[in-house]
Amino acid sequence: MTAGRPDTARAAAEAAARQSYGKLVAYLAARTRDVAGAEDALADAFAAALERWPRTGVPEKPEAWLLAVARRRSIDAVRRRLTSEAGRDHLKLIAEEMEARMTDEDLPDERLRLMFACAHPAIEAGVRAPLILQTVLGFDAATIASAFLVSPATMSQRLVRAKSRIRETSIPFRVPERAELGERLDTVLEAIYAAFAEGWSDPAGTETRGRNLATEGIWLGRLVASLMPDEPEALGLLALMLFAEARRAARRNAAGDYVPLAEQDLALWDDALIDEAEALLRCAAGKGVIGRYQLEAAVQSAHTTRRLTGRTDWMAIRELYDALSVIAGSPVVAINRAVAIAEAEGAAAGLAALYVLGDDKRLDDYQPYWAARAGLLARLGNIPQASEAYDRAIGLERDPAVRRFLQGKRAALRN
């Protein structure tokens, strides 16, 4: 370890957060059953790193250094809580395990155990997926609230209650037996997809502490698919993410501007990822049980056939969204279905399907709804309302490239 510079130390701490946050939280929490305590201990460890590393230099194994500091913080916190004889015995067991000498190479990866603990039936259903996102990937409450269309304050309160529930009821940190695995799988898959979607909406990797969340989501998806190779929805989700990831290079042009799906350069799509996704989707279909992620992956598969035919089969996509609406109805599915209807049957039909959603207050601050509405109104020549909808979409959009794209669409209304 040699003396370092503040910028080098900060970069090293951020890299450790990207690579190891969930791994370290999972290791600490699995031994104390205290997720919030593990997060606090790790936060203290990162704060210590930012204070010490500029003076002492970045350690050769940052993850092991952070774990050592976080373990001490965690044990101190447990010691303050446990004062009885039984408590001291419990503390001794925790300390013996957590103080064992450990290196980066032999730190066990227990993220999957943590994910299934967060998906336990004792946790309120609506907070299981957000809890996984925060504990495994380090999302803050505001980011999670945006993904789940609730206020940051409400989400923060739910997350605090859920972590208390894990500690108070001693929820086990383990992968469930086969008989109970399926009931928690949906929550785990939902959290993985939410992580991927957040990274997908941030292609430049500038949000959520610079993590490449799409890559992390795919990694978690591969982990679950390898654990449950006969579970069609695990395979379907991985296929869905790979289809989307295959188009990453085509989503921006050389100038960094957003390129919509219909205008993307097909030569930039990753054929290997598409082929892998198709194989996974075929394997999932062979299991004989259709679910949400398989249908969403099938939508993406229908889009990729444009590589071969030069056209998009919008009727097939509309039918897939019809099926999705039955088994997994949501505002997001309904918006995409309306867009597919517009392409297959005309803008008026699509707008009618979109207006049905108008009473859903969750859409007031949901950018894709306003962007879709603006586009359909523009196609019908309703310029004033289209302009208002574009204004709303622009104001809600976080991605500068997409915002410029929408601003260009709004400016074109005047021509």
Protein backbone atom coordinates (compact mmCIF):
# COMPACT_ATOMS: atom_id res chain seq x y z
CA MET A 1 0.00 0.00 0.00
CA THR A 2 1.49 3.36 -1.01
CA ALA A 3 0.32 6.90 -0.43
CA GLY A 4 -2.30 7.95 -2.92
CA ARG A 5 -4.22 10.95 -4.18
CA PRO A 6 -7.80 11.89 -3.28
CA ASP A 7 -9.07 11.35 -6.82
CA THR A 8 -7.37 7.95 -7.06
CA ALA A 9 -8.74 6.90 -3.68
CA ARG A 10 -12.26 8.01 -4.59
CA ALA A 11 -12.10 6.17 -7.92
CA ALA A 12 -10.95 3.01 -6.14
CA ALA A 13 -13.78 3.29 -3.58
CA GLU A 14 -16.35 3.82 -6.34
CA ALA A 15 -14.98 0.81 -8.24
CA ALA A 16 -15.25 -1.32 -5.10
CA ALA A 17 -18.83 -0.15 -4.63
CA ARG A 18 -19.71 -1.11 -8.20
CA GLN A 19 -18.12 -4.52 -7.94
CA SER A 20 -18.69 -5.57 -4.36
CA TYR A 21 -21.46 -3.64 -2.61
CA GLY A 22 -24.09 -6.38 -2.72
CA LYS A 23 -21.53 -9.11 -2.13
CA LEU A 24 -20.31 -7.44 1.07
CA VAL A 25 -23.80 -6.60 2.35
CA ALA A 26 -24.92 -10.19 1.71
CA TYR A 27 -21.93 -11.62 3.58
CA LEU A 28 -22.41 -9.35 6.60
CA ALA A 29 -26.20 -9.60 6.76
CA ALA A 30 -26.25 -13.39 6.41
CA ARG A 31 -24.34 -13.64 9.69
CA THR A 32 -26.19 -11.01 11.73
CA ARG A 33 -29.70 -11.14 10.17
CA ASP A 34 -29.47 -7.34 10.27
CA VAL A 35 -29.60 -5.90 6.76
CA ALA A 36 -29.76 -2.28 7.88
CA GLY A 37 -26.86 -2.87 10.26
CA ALA A 38 -24.81 -4.43 7.46
CA GLU A 39 -25.52 -1.45 5.21
CA ASP A 40 -24.57 0.98 7.97
CA ALA A 41 -21.35 -0.90 8.71
CA LEU A 42 -20.44 -0.91 5.03
CA ALA A 43 -21.25 2.79 4.71
CA ASP A 44 -18.86 3.43 7.61
CA ALA A 45 -16.22 1.33 5.87
CA PHE A 46 -16.52 3.35 2.66
CA ALA A 47 -16.38 6.58 4.64
CA ALA A 48 -13.22 5.32 6.34
CA ALA A 49 -11.74 4.43 2.96
CA LEU A 50 -12.36 7.92 1.61
CA GLU A 51 -10.71 9.37 4.71
CA ARG A 52 -7.71 7.02 4.92
CA TRP A 53 -6.86 5.92 1.38
CA PRO A 54 -5.75 9.40 0.21
CA ARG A 55 -3.15 9.33 3.05
CA THR A 56 -2.18 5.66 3.13
CA GLY A 57 -2.82 4.64 -0.44
CA VAL A 58 -5.32 2.20 -1.93
CA PRO A 59 -4.85 -1.29 -0.45
CA GLU A 60 -3.93 -4.16 -2.76
CA LYS A 61 -7.27 -5.82 -2.02
CA PRO A 62 -9.87 -3.06 -1.46
CA GLU A 63 -12.74 -5.53 -0.99
CA ALA A 64 -10.92 -7.34 1.84
CA TRP A 65 -10.02 -4.01 3.48
CA LEU A 66 -13.62 -2.81 3.35
CA LEU A 67 -14.87 -6.12 4.71
CA ALA A 68 -12.44 -6.03 7.64
CA VAL A 69 -13.55 -2.52 8.63
CA ALA A 70 -17.24 -3.31 8.12
CA ARG A 71 -16.94 -6.50 10.20
CA ARG A 72 -15.51 -4.55 13.10
CA ARG A 73 -18.28 -1.96 12.81
CA SER A 74 -20.91 -4.69 12.60
CA ILE A 75 -19.60 -6.58 15.63
CA ASP A 76 -19.42 -3.37 17.64
CA ALA A 77 -23.07 -2.68 16.78
CA VAL A 78 -24.12 -6.18 17.82
CA ARG A 79 -22.13 -5.83 21.04
CA ARG A 80 -24.03 -2.67 21.91
CA ARG A 81 -27.35 -4.46 21.39
CA LEU A 82 -26.61 -7.74 23.16
CA THR A 83 -25.96 -7.56 26.89
CA SER A 84 -27.37 -10.82 28.28
CA GLU A 85 -25.33 -14.01 28.76
CA ALA A 86 -27.14 -15.59 25.82
CA GLY A 87 -26.46 -12.45 23.83
CA ARG A 88 -22.75 -12.65 24.59
CA ASP A 89 -22.67 -16.26 23.44
CA HIS A 90 -24.41 -15.25 20.22
CA LEU A 91 -21.97 -12.41 19.74
CA LYS A 92 -19.02 -14.77 20.26
CA LEU A 93 -20.26 -17.06 17.51
CA ILE A 94 -20.76 -14.13 15.12
CA ALA A 95 -17.37 -12.68 15.96
CA GLU A 96 -15.55 -15.99 15.49
CA GLU A 97 -17.00 -16.41 12.03
CA MET A 98 -16.75 -12.81 10.90
CA GLU A 99 -13.22 -12.27 12.16
CA ALA A 100 -11.89 -15.31 10.30
CA ARG A 101 -9.04 -14.39 7.98
CA MET A 102 -10.44 -13.87 4.49
CA THR A 103 -9.15 -12.63 1.13
CA ASP A 104 -10.87 -11.34 -1.99
CA GLU A 105 -10.55 -14.76 -3.57
CA ASP A 106 -12.36 -16.76 -0.87
CA LEU A 107 -15.10 -14.30 0.09
CA PRO A 108 -18.26 -16.29 -0.67
CA ASP A 109 -20.80 -14.71 -2.97
CA GLU A 110 -24.07 -14.93 -1.07
CA ARG A 111 -26.12 -12.44 -3.03
CA LEU A 112 -28.58 -15.08 -4.13
CA ARG A 113 -29.22 -16.07 -0.50
CA LEU A 114 -29.83 -12.41 0.35
CA MET A 115 -32.22 -12.04 -2.59
CA PHE A 116 -34.35 -14.95 -1.45
CA ALA A 117 -34.34 -13.67 2.14
CA CYS A 118 -35.72 -10.37 0.85
CA ALA A 119 -38.37 -12.34 -1.07
CA HIS A 120 -39.55 -14.20 2.04
CA PRO A 121 -43.35 -14.36 2.52
CA ALA A 122 -42.96 -12.58 5.87
CA ILE A 123 -41.91 -9.44 3.97
CA GLU A 124 -44.72 -7.25 2.62
CA ALA A 125 -45.24 -8.27 -1.01
CA GLY A 126 -44.96 -4.80 -2.51
CA VAL A 127 -41.57 -4.09 -0.96
CA ARG A 128 -39.77 -7.38 -1.67
CA ALA A 129 -38.40 -6.39 -5.07
CA PRO A 130 -37.41 -2.85 -3.96
CA LEU A 131 -35.65 -4.38 -0.95
CA ILE A 132 -33.60 -6.63 -3.21
CA LEU A 133 -32.62 -3.65 -5.34
CA GLN A 134 -31.39 -1.69 -2.35
CA THR A 135 -29.58 -4.45 -0.50
CA VAL A 136 -28.02 -6.31 -3.42
CA LEU A 137 -27.35 -3.45 -5.82
CA GLY A 138 -27.24 -0.43 -3.53
CA PHE A 139 -30.09 1.56 -5.13
CA ASP A 140 -31.17 4.56 -3.09
CA ALA A 141 -34.82 4.96 -2.11
CA ALA A 142 -35.43 7.77 -4.61
CA THR A 143 -34.23 5.66 -7.55
CA ILE A 144 -36.33 2.70 -6.44
CA ALA A 145 -39.36 4.92 -5.91
CA SER A 146 -39.07 6.16 -9.49
CA ALA A 147 -38.93 2.62 -10.85
CA PHE A 148 -42.02 1.57 -8.84
CA LEU A 149 -44.02 4.79 -9.29
CA VAL A 150 -44.29 5.76 -5.61
CA SER A 151 -42.94 8.68 -3.60
CA PRO A 152 -39.37 8.48 -2.19
CA ALA A 153 -40.64 9.04 1.37
CA THR A 154 -43.13 6.20 1.10
CA MET A 155 -40.54 3.86 -0.39
CA SER A 156 -37.99 4.75 2.29
CA GLN A 157 -40.47 3.94 5.07
CA ARG A 158 -41.36 0.61 3.47
CA LEU A 159 -37.70 -0.37 3.14
CA VAL A 160 -36.96 0.46 6.78
CA ARG A 161 -39.91 -1.63 7.95
CA ALA A 162 -38.87 -4.57 5.77
CA LYS A 163 -35.32 -4.61 7.12
CA SER A 164 -36.66 -4.50 10.67
CA ARG A 165 -38.91 -7.43 9.80
CA ILE A 166 -35.93 -9.53 8.65
CA ARG A 167 -34.10 -8.88 11.91
CA GLU A 168 -37.08 -9.28 14.24
CA THR A 169 -38.35 -12.54 12.71
CA SER A 170 -34.89 -14.04 12.02
CA ILE A 171 -35.69 -14.72 8.37
CA PRO A 172 -33.15 -17.31 7.16
CA PHE A 173 -30.57 -16.38 4.53
CA ARG A 174 -30.72 -19.42 2.30
CA VAL A 175 -31.89 -20.56 -1.09
CA PRO A 176 -35.27 -22.22 -0.43
CA GLU A 177 -35.94 -25.88 -1.04
CA ARG A 178 -37.47 -26.72 -4.37
CA ALA A 179 -40.99 -26.97 -2.96
CA GLU A 180 -40.98 -23.32 -1.80
CA LEU A 181 -38.64 -21.87 -4.39
CA GLY A 182 -41.27 -21.05 -7.00
CA GLU A 183 -43.37 -18.79 -4.78
CA ARG A 184 -40.42 -16.45 -4.24
CA LEU A 185 -38.98 -16.65 -7.73
CA ASP A 186 -41.36 -14.04 -9.19
CA THR A 187 -40.11 -11.44 -6.72
CA VAL A 188 -36.47 -12.21 -7.42
CA LEU A 189 -37.02 -12.01 -11.17
CA GLU A 190 -38.92 -8.73 -10.80
CA ALA A 191 -36.03 -7.20 -8.89
CA ILE A 192 -33.47 -8.39 -11.42
CA TYR A 193 -35.48 -6.94 -14.29
CA ALA A 194 -35.95 -3.64 -12.45
CA ALA A 195 -32.18 -3.42 -12.01
CA PHE A 196 -31.60 -4.16 -15.68
CA ALA A 197 -34.25 -1.66 -16.76
CA GLU A 198 -32.69 1.08 -14.66
CA GLY A 199 -29.31 0.44 -16.28
CA TRP A 200 -30.93 0.19 -19.69
CA SER A 201 -32.46 3.64 -19.26
CA ASP A 202 -28.99 4.99 -18.48
CA PRO A 203 -26.79 3.74 -21.33
CA ALA A 204 -23.95 6.10 -20.49
CA GLY A 205 -23.72 4.74 -16.94
CA THR A 206 -23.94 8.21 -15.39
CA GLU A 207 -26.66 7.46 -12.84
CA THR A 208 -26.86 5.38 -9.64
CA ARG A 209 -23.25 5.88 -8.61
CA GLY A 210 -21.93 4.95 -12.04
CA ARG A 211 -22.84 1.29 -11.89
CA ASN A 212 -23.46 -0.65 -15.06
CA LEU A 213 -26.78 -1.93 -13.79
CA ALA A 214 -27.74 -3.62 -17.03
CA THR A 215 -24.65 -5.82 -16.86
CA GLU A 216 -25.32 -6.50 -13.17
CA GLY A 217 -28.91 -7.47 -13.96
CA ILE A 218 -27.78 -9.89 -16.65
CA TRP A 219 -25.24 -11.40 -14.26
CA LEU A 220 -27.95 -11.97 -11.66
CA GLY A 221 -30.24 -13.36 -14.35
CA ARG A 222 -27.59 -15.86 -15.40
CA LEU A 223 -27.10 -16.84 -11.77
CA VAL A 224 -30.78 -17.61 -11.23
CA ALA A 225 -31.09 -19.37 -14.60
CA SER A 226 -28.14 -21.59 -13.72
CA LEU A 227 -29.72 -22.38 -10.35
CA MET A 228 -33.09 -23.15 -11.93
CA PRO A 229 -32.43 -24.39 -15.49
CA ASP A 230 -35.89 -25.98 -15.69
CA GLU A 231 -37.75 -22.80 -14.68
CA PRO A 232 -39.11 -21.25 -17.90
CA GLU A 233 -39.57 -17.74 -16.50
CA ALA A 234 -35.95 -17.57 -15.33
CA LEU A 235 -34.89 -18.50 -18.86
CA GLY A 236 -37.42 -16.07 -20.32
CA LEU A 237 -36.12 -13.16 -18.28
CA LEU A 238 -32.53 -13.84 -19.25
CA ALA A 239 -33.60 -14.03 -22.92
CA LEU A 240 -35.49 -10.73 -22.57
CA MET A 241 -32.47 -8.94 -21.13
CA LEU A 242 -30.12 -10.34 -23.76
CA PHE A 243 -32.42 -9.26 -26.60
CA ALA A 244 -32.38 -5.73 -25.23
CA GLU A 245 -28.66 -5.71 -24.49
CA ALA A 246 -27.96 -6.84 -28.05
CA ARG A 247 -29.19 -3.46 -29.30
CA ARG A 248 -27.14 -1.33 -26.90
CA ALA A 249 -24.57 -0.19 -29.47
CA ALA A 250 -27.33 0.98 -31.83
CA ARG A 251 -29.18 3.14 -29.30
CA ARG A 252 -26.87 6.13 -29.79
CA ASN A 253 -25.25 7.48 -32.95
CA ALA A 254 -21.68 8.73 -33.25
CA ALA A 255 -22.73 12.11 -31.85
CA GLY A 256 -24.36 10.50 -28.81
CA ASP A 257 -27.90 11.19 -29.98
CA TYR A 258 -30.74 8.82 -29.19
CA VAL A 259 -31.81 6.49 -32.03
CA PRO A 260 -35.32 4.93 -31.76
CA LEU A 261 -35.71 1.22 -32.41
CA ALA A 262 -37.28 1.67 -35.86
CA GLU A 263 -34.29 3.71 -37.07
CA GLN A 264 -31.44 1.67 -35.59
CA ASP A 265 -28.61 0.34 -37.74
CA LEU A 266 -29.19 -3.42 -37.74
CA ALA A 267 -25.49 -4.04 -38.38
CA LEU A 268 -24.79 -2.74 -34.88
CA TRP A 269 -27.00 -5.33 -33.20
CA ASP A 270 -25.09 -8.12 -31.46
CA ASP A 271 -25.98 -11.28 -33.36
CA ALA A 272 -24.37 -13.58 -30.78
CA LEU A 273 -26.51 -12.20 -27.96
CA ILE A 274 -29.62 -12.42 -30.12
CA ASP A 275 -28.87 -16.04 -31.00
CA GLU A 276 -28.31 -16.86 -27.31
CA ALA A 277 -31.60 -15.18 -26.41
CA GLU A 278 -33.47 -17.10 -29.13
CA ALA A 279 -32.06 -20.39 -27.84
CA LEU A 280 -33.10 -19.56 -24.28
CA LEU A 281 -36.59 -18.60 -25.45
CA ARG A 282 -36.98 -21.86 -27.36
CA CYS A 283 -35.82 -23.79 -24.31
CA ALA A 284 -38.30 -21.94 -22.10
CA ALA A 285 -41.15 -22.55 -24.56
CA GLY A 286 -40.37 -26.26 -24.44
CA LYS A 287 -41.24 -26.35 -20.74
CA GLY A 288 -44.93 -25.90 -21.59
CA VAL A 289 -45.68 -23.04 -19.16
CA ILE A 290 -46.05 -19.52 -20.56
CA GLY A 291 -45.34 -16.50 -18.38
CA ARG A 292 -44.76 -12.76 -18.46
CA TYR A 293 -41.05 -12.76 -19.22
CA GLN A 294 -41.34 -15.31 -21.99
CA LEU A 295 -44.01 -13.16 -23.67
CA GLU A 296 -41.94 -10.00 -23.29
CA ALA A 297 -38.94 -11.83 -24.72
CA ALA A 298 -41.13 -13.00 -27.59
CA VAL A 299 -41.98 -9.34 -28.32
CA GLN A 300 -38.28 -8.56 -28.55
CA SER A 301 -37.75 -11.62 -30.73
CA ALA A 302 -40.44 -10.32 -33.08
CA HIS A 303 -38.59 -7.01 -33.34
CA THR A 304 -35.31 -8.75 -34.16
CA THR A 305 -36.82 -10.58 -37.12
CA ARG A 306 -36.44 -7.27 -38.96
CA ARG A 307 -32.82 -8.36 -39.47
CA LEU A 308 -34.10 -11.11 -41.75
CA THR A 309 -37.30 -9.74 -43.29
CA GLY A 310 -36.70 -5.99 -43.36
CA ARG A 311 -40.06 -5.37 -41.69
CA THR A 312 -41.63 -5.53 -38.23
CA ASP A 313 -44.62 -7.83 -37.70
CA TRP A 314 -46.76 -5.43 -35.67
CA MET A 315 -49.80 -7.71 -35.69
CA ALA A 316 -47.77 -10.43 -33.96
CA ILE A 317 -46.44 -7.91 -31.47
CA ARG A 318 -49.96 -6.62 -30.78
CA GLU A 319 -51.16 -10.20 -30.15
CA LEU A 320 -48.30 -10.80 -27.74
CA TYR A 321 -49.22 -7.65 -25.83
CA ASP A 322 -52.84 -8.80 -25.77
CA ALA A 323 -51.66 -11.97 -24.04
CA LEU A 324 -49.43 -9.99 -21.70
CA SER A 325 -52.36 -7.78 -20.73
CA VAL A 326 -54.24 -10.86 -19.56
CA ILE A 327 -51.51 -12.44 -17.43
CA ALA A 328 -49.52 -9.37 -16.34
CA GLY A 329 -51.62 -6.29 -16.89
CA SER A 330 -49.84 -3.05 -16.00
CA PRO A 331 -49.70 0.54 -17.27
CA VAL A 332 -46.37 -0.20 -18.96
CA VAL A 333 -47.81 -3.16 -20.87
CA ALA A 334 -50.90 -1.13 -21.77
CA ILE A 335 -48.80 1.72 -23.19
CA ASN A 336 -46.72 -0.65 -25.31
CA ARG A 337 -49.89 -2.39 -26.47
CA ALA A 338 -51.34 0.97 -27.55
CA VAL A 339 -48.21 1.72 -29.57
CA ALA A 340 -48.42 -1.70 -31.25
CA ILE A 341 -52.11 -1.12 -32.03
CA ALA A 342 -51.19 2.23 -33.61
CA GLU A 343 -48.63 0.55 -35.85
CA ALA A 344 -50.95 -2.31 -36.80
CA GLU A 345 -54.29 -0.47 -37.08
CA GLY A 346 -53.55 3.23 -37.21
CA ALA A 347 -52.82 6.12 -34.85
CA ALA A 348 -56.48 6.71 -33.98
CA ALA A 349 -56.90 3.15 -32.70
CA GLY A 350 -53.67 3.42 -30.74
CA LEU A 351 -54.68 6.72 -29.17
CA ALA A 352 -58.05 5.28 -28.16
CA ALA A 353 -56.26 2.44 -26.38
CA LEU A 354 -54.00 4.98 -24.66
CA TYR A 355 -56.87 7.21 -23.51
CA VAL A 356 -58.38 4.29 -21.62
CA LEU A 357 -55.44 4.69 -19.20
CA GLY A 358 -56.06 8.37 -18.59
CA ASP A 359 -57.53 7.93 -15.10
CA ASP A 360 -54.46 6.10 -13.76
CA LYS A 361 -52.75 8.72 -11.57
CA ARG A 362 -49.48 6.79 -11.67
CA LEU A 363 -49.06 7.95 -15.26
CA ASP A 364 -49.06 11.64 -14.39
CA ASP A 365 -45.29 11.55 -13.98
CA TYR A 366 -44.50 8.61 -16.27
CA GLN A 367 -42.50 9.81 -19.26
CA PRO A 368 -43.23 6.92 -21.70
CA TYR A 369 -46.97 7.59 -21.45
CA TRP A 370 -46.60 11.24 -22.42
CA ALA A 371 -44.09 10.48 -25.18
CA ALA A 372 -46.39 7.86 -26.71
CA ARG A 373 -49.38 10.17 -26.42
CA ALA A 374 -47.46 13.03 -28.03
CA GLY A 375 -46.35 10.88 -30.95
CA LEU A 376 -49.85 9.60 -31.70
CA LEU A 377 -51.42 13.06 -31.41
CA ALA A 378 -48.78 14.39 -33.80
CA ARG A 379 -49.56 11.66 -36.32
CA LEU A 380 -53.23 12.66 -36.16
CA GLY A 381 -52.39 16.32 -36.72
CA ASN A 382 -53.47 17.50 -33.28
CA ILE A 383 -50.55 19.88 -32.90
CA PRO A 384 -51.53 21.83 -29.75
CA GLN A 385 -52.20 18.73 -27.65
CA ALA A 386 -49.15 16.96 -29.11
CA SER A 387 -46.97 19.92 -28.14
CA GLU A 388 -48.35 19.88 -24.59
CA ALA A 389 -47.70 16.16 -24.28
CA TYR A 390 -44.14 16.57 -25.60
CA ASP A 391 -43.57 19.33 -23.04
CA ARG A 392 -44.66 16.96 -20.29
CA ALA A 393 -42.46 14.14 -21.60
CA ILE A 394 -39.44 16.43 -21.95
CA GLY A 395 -39.84 17.69 -18.41
CA LEU A 396 -39.96 14.15 -17.04
CA GLU A 397 -37.03 12.74 -19.05
CA ARG A 398 -33.71 12.27 -17.22
CA ASP A 399 -31.58 11.18 -20.19
CA PRO A 400 -30.21 14.25 -22.03
CA ALA A 401 -30.05 12.37 -25.35
CA VAL A 402 -33.68 11.28 -25.16
CA ARG A 403 -34.65 14.78 -24.06
CA ARG A 404 -32.96 16.25 -27.16
CA PHE A 405 -34.79 13.68 -29.31
CA LEU A 406 -38.15 14.69 -27.84
CA GLN A 407 -37.32 18.37 -28.22
CA GLY A 408 -36.58 17.71 -31.89
CA LYS A 409 -39.94 15.99 -32.30
CA ARG A 410 -41.70 18.93 -30.67
CA ALA A 411 -39.85 21.45 -32.87
CA ALA A 412 -40.87 19.46 -35.96
CA LEU A 413 -44.53 20.06 -35.12
CA ARG A 414 -44.14 23.68 -36.17
CA ASN A 415 -42.83 22.81 -39.64
